[in-house]
Structures are given as structure tokens and as C-alpha cells.
Amino acid sequence: MRATLLEMIATGLERVPSRAGVDESSMLATEHRLGRSLPQMLRDFYRTVGQLPEVMGSHHKFVPVESLEISNGGLVFCRDRQDEMFWALLEADLGEADPPIVQGQPELAEWHAHCKSSSVFLANFCCWQLVNAMPSMGSSPLGDGTIRALRKHMRVVGASFGFDMLSLVGADAGVLASILLSIDRLYVGARSDAGLEHFQERFGIDLDWL
């Protein structure tokens, strides 16, 4: 997963910052405090992007590694922007390398299955965060054949049957795309207005600029 995250960062930000990730000593300190080792995929995420504001807080809010806590049987690592829901790993699954993701809400002591794979969830959320952080952003309804057309010229990352997001990388054009399948909506981020205009022309998609 690390290579995928680095590709998205380089595409979205043009380069990978030298201190984008959390150092190993901070990871070990968190694991010692929790009394548990973190799953490999979550470790890879924090080691790669755990100090990158464009990923950690541009839309949803990832929990800083030093603030991770286990509560109600779950390790919450991300909260939505309104703090109305959060995403977590069940404590019972922390021994797995790529455990499933569950979703919860404040004041409700129950978890709901959200994604079968941490790596799929984290790749898609990383792309979504970067799209929201990029200088130029647009959105449009998902038209017939849009996904098929995008797949021809962009690399799909984080694809999984049953998950409601799909992410694509256009490294050559400095463009990232997040598709929210639950609402049939495409969101595109580009490093410049010219890049977003080129995307529209290339795919014949009329974006609402955000």
C-alpha cells in the first residue's frame, strides 16, 4: 500500500514531502501505550502520510498517531468533518495485517461493517483527502460509461467489490479522481485550473467547479 499512497501524494502535490510520515519511534511509543501492535496496513498509512496535513485533515479528520485510543472495543482512527460518525478497527481484529473497517457514531455503543479491507479503505480515503486539498477541484454526476472511459487513461487504486468508493490516479496529468458510488458522483482534483480544464476536454465531462 505504501507505493500506492506515495503515487497519489506525488500526483496530488507534485512531490512527496520529506517528512510526510510518522517516524518509527512514535509508532512504537503509541503501540507501547496501547499495549497492542497496530495492523501493518494502519502502520504503513501513518508511516507514509501521518504528518501530511493534506491527507490527515483536508476533509475528514484522521486521528494523530499519538492520540489513538481504544474505546468501546474499537480503535478509532478517523472522524468525519462534522464529527457525526467515525471509522475504527475492532480491538479483536488488531492482530490481522489488513483488518476490516467498522463505522460508529457518538453516543451509540455499536459498530457497523463498512469495508472489508483496511488497505482499500485507506487508499480511497487518502485519494479523497488529496482531491479536496488540491488547488483546483470539480464535480459532476456519474454518467453512463464514465468509469469505463476513466479506466482507459487513469490507474484504478483501492477497488473492491461492495465498497462505495473508487479512486483513480492520472499521474501524467497531475489529476486524482474519487467516485462516490453511493451517490453516483465524480470528484476530480488537479494541480492547476489548466489541468482541470484538460481533464474536462479529454473525457468530455462538464464539471461543476468547486
Protein backbone atom coordinates (compact mmCIF):
# COMPACT_ATOMS: atom_id res chain seq x y z
CA MET A 1 0.00 0.00 0.00
CA ARG A 2 2.89 2.36 0.68
CA ALA A 3 3.73 2.60 -3.04
CA THR A 4 0.11 3.47 -3.85
CA LEU A 5 0.00 6.19 -1.21
CA LEU A 6 3.27 7.69 -2.45
CA GLU A 7 2.00 7.68 -6.04
CA MET A 8 -1.14 9.57 -5.03
CA ILE A 9 0.85 12.09 -2.98
CA ALA A 10 3.30 12.72 -5.83
CA THR A 11 0.37 13.16 -8.23
CA GLY A 12 -1.61 15.45 -5.97
CA LEU A 13 1.22 17.55 -4.55
CA GLU A 14 3.76 17.19 -7.40
CA ARG A 15 6.34 15.86 -4.94
CA VAL A 16 6.47 13.80 -1.75
CA PRO A 17 7.40 16.00 1.25
CA SER A 18 10.46 14.78 3.13
CA ARG A 19 8.60 14.40 6.44
CA ALA A 20 5.20 13.19 5.32
CA GLY A 21 5.12 10.18 7.62
CA VAL A 22 5.39 9.46 11.34
CA ASP A 23 8.76 8.12 12.49
CA GLU A 24 9.14 4.61 13.83
CA SER A 25 9.82 5.74 17.40
CA SER A 26 6.44 7.50 17.52
CA MET A 27 4.73 4.37 16.22
CA LEU A 28 6.41 2.22 18.84
CA ALA A 29 5.52 4.69 21.60
CA THR A 30 1.85 4.53 20.58
CA GLU A 31 1.89 0.74 20.47
CA HIS A 32 3.51 0.62 23.91
CA ARG A 33 0.87 2.99 25.30
CA LEU A 34 -1.96 0.95 23.79
CA GLY A 35 -0.42 -2.34 24.79
CA ARG A 36 -1.09 -3.65 21.27
CA SER A 37 0.72 -3.71 17.95
CA LEU A 38 -1.07 -1.87 15.16
CA PRO A 39 -2.06 -3.74 12.00
CA GLN A 40 0.50 -3.50 9.21
CA MET A 41 -1.78 -1.51 6.89
CA LEU A 42 -2.50 1.13 9.53
CA ARG A 43 1.21 1.28 10.36
CA ASP A 44 2.04 1.78 6.69
CA PHE A 45 -0.54 4.57 6.45
CA TYR A 46 0.83 6.53 9.40
CA ARG A 47 4.45 5.87 8.45
CA THR A 48 3.74 7.25 4.96
CA VAL A 49 1.27 10.13 5.44
CA GLY A 50 0.76 10.54 9.20
CA GLN A 51 2.20 14.07 9.24
CA LEU A 52 0.80 15.26 5.92
CA PRO A 53 -1.98 17.83 6.51
CA GLU A 54 -3.39 17.40 3.01
CA VAL A 55 -4.24 13.79 3.90
CA MET A 56 -4.75 13.98 7.64
CA GLY A 57 -7.22 16.84 7.75
CA SER A 58 -8.31 18.37 4.43
CA HIS A 59 -11.88 17.00 4.71
CA HIS A 60 -12.33 14.18 7.20
CA LYS A 61 -10.06 14.20 10.25
CA PHE A 62 -7.60 11.38 10.80
CA VAL A 63 -6.59 10.95 14.43
CA PRO A 64 -2.88 11.77 15.03
CA VAL A 65 -0.96 8.64 15.93
CA GLU A 66 -0.17 9.92 19.41
CA SER A 67 -3.90 10.36 20.11
CA LEU A 68 -5.07 6.90 19.06
CA GLU A 69 -7.18 5.23 21.75
CA ILE A 70 -9.13 2.02 22.17
CA SER A 71 -12.70 2.68 23.33
CA ASN A 72 -15.83 0.54 23.31
CA GLY A 73 -13.86 -2.29 21.74
CA GLY A 74 -12.62 -0.24 18.79
CA LEU A 75 -9.58 1.79 17.75
CA VAL A 76 -10.97 4.99 16.20
CA PHE A 77 -8.55 6.46 13.65
CA CYS A 78 -10.72 8.81 11.56
CA ARG A 79 -13.72 11.10 12.16
CA ASP A 80 -15.94 12.78 9.62
CA ARG A 81 -15.78 16.55 9.25
CA GLN A 82 -19.00 17.13 11.26
CA ASP A 83 -17.89 14.66 13.95
CA GLU A 84 -21.14 12.76 13.40
CA MET A 85 -19.50 9.42 12.62
CA PHE A 86 -16.13 7.77 12.84
CA TRP A 87 -14.22 4.81 11.46
CA ALA A 88 -12.38 2.25 13.52
CA LEU A 89 -10.76 -1.16 13.76
CA LEU A 90 -12.28 -3.61 16.20
CA GLU A 91 -9.89 -4.45 19.02
CA ALA A 92 -10.43 -8.13 18.29
CA ASP A 93 -9.12 -7.61 14.73
CA LEU A 94 -5.92 -5.72 15.56
CA GLY A 95 -3.84 -8.85 15.12
CA GLU A 96 -4.74 -9.04 11.41
CA ALA A 97 -2.48 -7.47 8.79
CA ASP A 98 -5.38 -5.99 6.79
CA PRO A 99 -8.43 -5.99 9.06
CA PRO A 100 -11.93 -4.78 8.12
CA ILE A 101 -13.15 -1.28 8.92
CA VAL A 102 -16.20 -0.56 11.03
CA GLN A 103 -18.21 2.63 11.41
CA GLY A 104 -19.71 4.12 14.54
CA GLN A 105 -21.46 7.20 15.85
CA PRO A 106 -21.05 9.23 19.03
CA GLU A 107 -23.34 8.13 21.86
CA LEU A 108 -24.10 4.79 20.15
CA ALA A 109 -22.34 1.74 21.57
CA GLU A 110 -22.46 -0.33 18.39
CA TRP A 111 -20.33 -0.86 15.31
CA HIS A 112 -21.42 -1.40 11.71
CA ALA A 113 -19.39 -3.12 9.00
CA HIS A 114 -18.08 -0.58 6.49
CA CYS A 115 -15.22 -2.01 4.41
CA LYS A 116 -13.74 -5.49 4.26
CA SER A 117 -10.16 -4.26 3.95
CA SER A 118 -8.10 -1.56 5.69
CA SER A 119 -5.89 -1.17 2.63
CA VAL A 120 -8.89 -0.49 0.36
CA PHE A 121 -10.41 2.00 2.80
CA LEU A 122 -7.14 3.86 3.44
CA ALA A 123 -6.20 4.10 -0.24
CA ASN A 124 -9.62 5.51 -1.15
CA PHE A 125 -9.72 7.93 1.76
CA CYS A 126 -6.19 9.12 1.01
CA CYS A 127 -7.26 9.91 -2.55
CA TRP A 128 -10.43 11.66 -1.34
CA GLN A 129 -8.46 13.81 1.10
CA LEU A 130 -5.95 14.79 -1.58
CA VAL A 131 -8.70 15.64 -4.09
CA ASN A 132 -10.15 18.03 -1.51
CA ALA A 133 -6.72 19.55 -0.86
CA MET A 134 -5.74 20.18 -4.48
CA PRO A 135 -5.79 23.75 -5.86
CA SER A 136 -8.46 23.00 -8.48
CA MET A 137 -11.48 20.76 -7.87
CA GLY A 138 -14.64 19.92 -9.74
CA SER A 139 -17.57 17.54 -9.57
CA SER A 140 -20.22 16.06 -11.83
CA PRO A 141 -22.89 13.37 -11.84
CA LEU A 142 -21.57 9.98 -12.86
CA GLY A 143 -22.61 9.50 -16.48
CA ASP A 144 -23.04 6.31 -18.48
CA GLY A 145 -19.63 4.99 -19.45
CA THR A 146 -17.69 7.47 -17.27
CA ILE A 147 -15.90 4.84 -15.21
CA ARG A 148 -15.04 2.82 -18.31
CA ALA A 149 -13.58 5.90 -20.01
CA LEU A 150 -11.57 6.92 -16.96
CA ARG A 151 -10.15 3.41 -16.57
CA LYS A 152 -8.62 3.64 -20.05
CA HIS A 153 -6.41 6.59 -19.15
CA MET A 154 -6.10 6.54 -15.34
CA ARG A 155 -4.92 3.89 -12.91
CA VAL A 156 -7.53 2.48 -10.56
CA VAL A 157 -6.49 2.19 -6.89
CA GLY A 158 -8.38 0.78 -3.93
CA ALA A 159 -11.01 -1.06 -5.96
CA SER A 160 -13.10 -3.58 -4.02
CA PHE A 161 -16.46 -5.17 -4.72
CA GLY A 162 -19.03 -3.91 -2.22
CA PHE A 163 -17.17 -0.72 -1.19
CA ASP A 164 -18.82 2.56 -2.17
CA MET A 165 -15.72 4.44 -3.34
CA LEU A 166 -13.43 4.14 -6.34
CA SER A 167 -10.22 6.11 -6.82
CA LEU A 168 -8.17 6.80 -9.94
CA VAL A 169 -4.74 8.33 -10.50
CA GLY A 170 -3.73 10.28 -13.58
CA ALA A 171 -0.07 10.76 -12.73
CA ASP A 172 0.89 12.11 -16.16
CA ALA A 173 -1.70 14.90 -15.92
CA GLY A 174 -1.46 15.65 -12.19
CA VAL A 175 -5.07 14.61 -11.63
CA LEU A 176 -6.80 12.48 -8.99
CA ALA A 177 -10.41 11.30 -9.10
CA SER A 178 -12.72 9.99 -6.38
CA ILE A 179 -16.00 8.35 -7.30
CA LEU A 180 -18.67 8.10 -4.61
CA LEU A 181 -20.70 5.19 -5.90
CA SER A 182 -23.42 5.58 -3.27
CA ILE A 183 -24.45 8.93 -4.79
CA ASP A 184 -23.18 8.37 -8.37
CA ARG A 185 -20.91 11.39 -8.17
CA LEU A 186 -17.43 12.07 -9.57
CA TYR A 187 -14.98 14.42 -7.83
CA VAL A 188 -11.76 15.48 -9.54
CA GLY A 189 -8.74 17.31 -8.17
CA ALA A 190 -5.99 18.88 -10.28
CA ARG A 191 -2.81 20.76 -9.53
CA SER A 192 -3.97 23.71 -11.66
CA ASP A 193 -7.02 25.15 -13.40
CA ALA A 194 -5.42 24.22 -16.71
CA GLY A 195 -5.16 20.62 -15.54
CA LEU A 196 -8.84 20.53 -14.64
CA GLU A 197 -9.79 22.09 -17.97
CA HIS A 198 -7.68 19.48 -19.76
CA PHE A 199 -9.49 16.72 -17.85
CA GLN A 200 -12.86 18.09 -18.98
CA GLU A 201 -11.76 18.24 -22.60
CA ARG A 202 -10.09 14.82 -22.55
CA PHE A 203 -13.11 13.00 -21.16
CA GLY A 204 -15.92 15.25 -22.38
CA ILE A 205 -17.13 15.84 -18.82
CA ASP A 206 -18.68 19.17 -17.82
CA LEU A 207 -17.57 19.70 -14.22
CA ASP A 208 -19.08 21.98 -11.62
CA TRP A 209 -16.02 23.81 -10.32
CA LEU A 210 -15.80 23.86 -6.54
